[in-house]
Amino acid sequence: MQAIEFISTIKEGIIRIPELYTGYDNQQARVIVLIPSIEHMNNQKKNLAAIFKKMETKTVFGKIKDPVAWQKQLRDEWE
């Protein structure tokens, strides 16, 4: 048995399979639906809020004199 994993939204009882997996059309599959609990989602929100709170005290970009030039320099590295 082969396992694939992806995230999808259930709409009107239908789960859309990403195009990446179209090779599996018309094959029988065992489906397990895992839905995160509200408690888990709330914990994630609290953790993220705590991280943002810590970031408020950091000056990550404070040494950048010209943000536009800095951004252009970063983009030039990609080309």
C-alpha atoms as a PDB file:
ATOM      1  CA  MET A   1       0.000   0.000   0.000  1.00  0.00           C
ATOM      2  CA  GLN A   2       1.276   3.467  -0.866  1.00  0.00           C
ATOM      3  CA  ALA A   3       0.503   6.523   1.272  1.00  0.00           C
ATOM      4  CA  ILE A   4       0.193  10.106   0.057  1.00  0.00           C
ATOM      5  CA  GLU A   5      -0.528  13.136   2.182  1.00  0.00           C
ATOM      6  CA  PHE A   6      -1.970  16.533   1.278  1.00  0.00           C
ATOM      7  CA  ILE A   7      -4.211  19.180   2.802  1.00  0.00           C
ATOM      8  CA  SER A   8      -7.595  19.929   1.247  1.00  0.00           C
ATOM      9  CA  THR A   9     -10.840  21.617   2.251  1.00  0.00           C
ATOM     10  CA  ILE A  10     -14.027  19.564   2.399  1.00  0.00           C
ATOM     11  CA  LYS A  11     -16.721  21.349   0.373  1.00  0.00           C
ATOM     12  CA  GLU A  12     -20.220  19.873   0.246  1.00  0.00           C
ATOM     13  CA  GLY A  13     -18.827  16.477   1.200  1.00  0.00           C
ATOM     14  CA  ILE A  14     -16.184  16.479  -1.544  1.00  0.00           C
ATOM     15  CA  ILE A  15     -12.412  16.354  -1.038  1.00  0.00           C
ATOM     16  CA  ARG A  16     -10.462  17.486  -4.091  1.00  0.00           C
ATOM     17  CA  ILE A  17      -7.308  15.526  -4.864  1.00  0.00           C
ATOM     18  CA  PRO A  18      -4.389  17.708  -6.051  1.00  0.00           C
ATOM     19  CA  GLU A  19      -3.512  17.432  -9.753  1.00  0.00           C
ATOM     20  CA  LEU A  20      -0.183  15.915  -8.745  1.00  0.00           C
ATOM     21  CA  TYR A  21      -2.060  12.689  -7.994  1.00  0.00           C
ATOM     22  CA  THR A  22      -4.192  12.388 -11.147  1.00  0.00           C
ATOM     23  CA  GLY A  23      -2.397   9.131 -11.908  1.00  0.00           C
ATOM     24  CA  TYR A  24      -4.522   7.527  -9.205  1.00  0.00           C
ATOM     25  CA  ASP A  25      -7.844   8.180 -10.986  1.00  0.00           C
ATOM     26  CA  ASN A  26     -10.353   5.322 -10.776  1.00  0.00           C
ATOM     27  CA  GLN A  27      -8.364   3.471  -8.117  1.00  0.00           C
ATOM     28  CA  GLN A  28      -9.800   2.387  -4.808  1.00  0.00           C
ATOM     29  CA  ALA A  29      -8.267   4.143  -1.795  1.00  0.00           C
ATOM     30  CA  ARG A  30      -8.618   4.014   1.953  1.00  0.00           C
ATOM     31  CA  VAL A  31      -9.276   7.520   3.253  1.00  0.00           C
ATOM     32  CA  ILE A  32      -8.570   8.781   6.754  1.00  0.00           C
ATOM     33  CA  VAL A  33      -9.698  12.339   7.491  1.00  0.00           C
ATOM     34  CA  LEU A  34      -7.812  14.155  10.263  1.00  0.00           C
ATOM     35  CA  ILE A  35      -9.344  17.417  11.400  1.00  0.00           C
ATOM     36  CA  PRO A  36      -7.369  19.518  13.902  1.00  0.00           C
ATOM     37  CA  SER A  37      -9.170  20.119  17.164  1.00  0.00           C
ATOM     38  CA  ILE A  38     -10.135  23.630  18.192  1.00  0.00           C
ATOM     39  CA  GLU A  39      -7.890  23.251  21.234  1.00  0.00           C
ATOM     40  CA  HIS A  40      -4.921  22.406  18.999  1.00  0.00           C
ATOM     41  CA  MET A  41      -5.634  25.384  16.745  1.00  0.00           C
ATOM     42  CA  ASN A  42      -5.938  27.695  19.765  1.00  0.00           C
ATOM     43  CA  ASN A  43      -2.591  26.442  21.076  1.00  0.00           C
ATOM     44  CA  GLN A  44      -1.002  27.180  17.710  1.00  0.00           C
ATOM     45  CA  LYS A  45      -2.456  30.704  17.783  1.00  0.00           C
ATOM     46  CA  LYS A  46      -1.137  31.271  21.313  1.00  0.00           C
ATOM     47  CA  ASN A  47       2.326  30.004  20.343  1.00  0.00           C
ATOM     48  CA  LEU A  48       2.390  32.241  17.286  1.00  0.00           C
ATOM     49  CA  ALA A  49       1.245  35.246  19.333  1.00  0.00           C
ATOM     50  CA  ALA A  50       4.056  34.571  21.842  1.00  0.00           C
ATOM     51  CA  ILE A  51       6.616  34.443  19.024  1.00  0.00           C
ATOM     52  CA  PHE A  52       5.347  37.742  17.603  1.00  0.00           C
ATOM     53  CA  LYS A  53       5.520  39.273  21.081  1.00  0.00           C
ATOM     54  CA  LYS A  54       9.192  38.265  21.337  1.00  0.00           C
ATOM     55  CA  MET A  55       9.859  39.711  17.880  1.00  0.00           C
ATOM     56  CA  GLU A  56       8.580  43.121  19.008  1.00  0.00           C
ATOM     57  CA  THR A  57      11.705  43.551  21.116  1.00  0.00           C
ATOM     58  CA  LYS A  58      14.106  42.492  18.341  1.00  0.00           C
ATOM     59  CA  THR A  59      15.517  44.886  15.797  1.00  0.00           C
ATOM     60  CA  VAL A  60      15.947  42.381  12.999  1.00  0.00           C
ATOM     61  CA  PHE A  61      15.883  44.968  10.222  1.00  0.00           C
ATOM     62  CA  GLY A  62      17.129  47.916  12.279  1.00  0.00           C
ATOM     63  CA  LYS A  63      20.543  48.059  10.570  1.00  0.00           C
ATOM     64  CA  ILE A  64      19.054  48.447   7.079  1.00  0.00           C
ATOM     65  CA  LYS A  65      19.545  52.048   5.955  1.00  0.00           C
ATOM     66  CA  ASP A  66      17.697  51.836   2.609  1.00  0.00           C
ATOM     67  CA  PRO A  67      15.019  49.082   2.581  1.00  0.00           C
ATOM     68  CA  VAL A  68      14.344  49.426  -1.167  1.00  0.00           C
ATOM     69  CA  ALA A  69      18.032  49.013  -2.079  1.00  0.00           C
ATOM     70  CA  TRP A  70      18.320  46.089   0.343  1.00  0.00           C
ATOM     71  CA  GLN A  71      15.334  44.380  -1.299  1.00  0.00           C
ATOM     72  CA  LYS A  72      16.765  44.916  -4.792  1.00  0.00           C
ATOM     73  CA  GLN A  73      20.078  43.432  -3.666  1.00  0.00           C
ATOM     74  CA  LEU A  74      18.284  40.330  -2.378  1.00  0.00           C
ATOM     75  CA  ARG A  75      16.385  39.927  -5.634  1.00  0.00           C
ATOM     76  CA  ASP A  76      19.576  40.267  -7.674  1.00  0.00           C
ATOM     77  CA  GLU A  77      20.960  37.240  -5.831  1.00  0.00           C
ATOM     78  CA  TRP A  78      18.050  35.128  -7.166  1.00  0.00           C
ATOM     79  CA  GLU A  79      18.743  35.886 -10.817  1.00  0.00           C
END
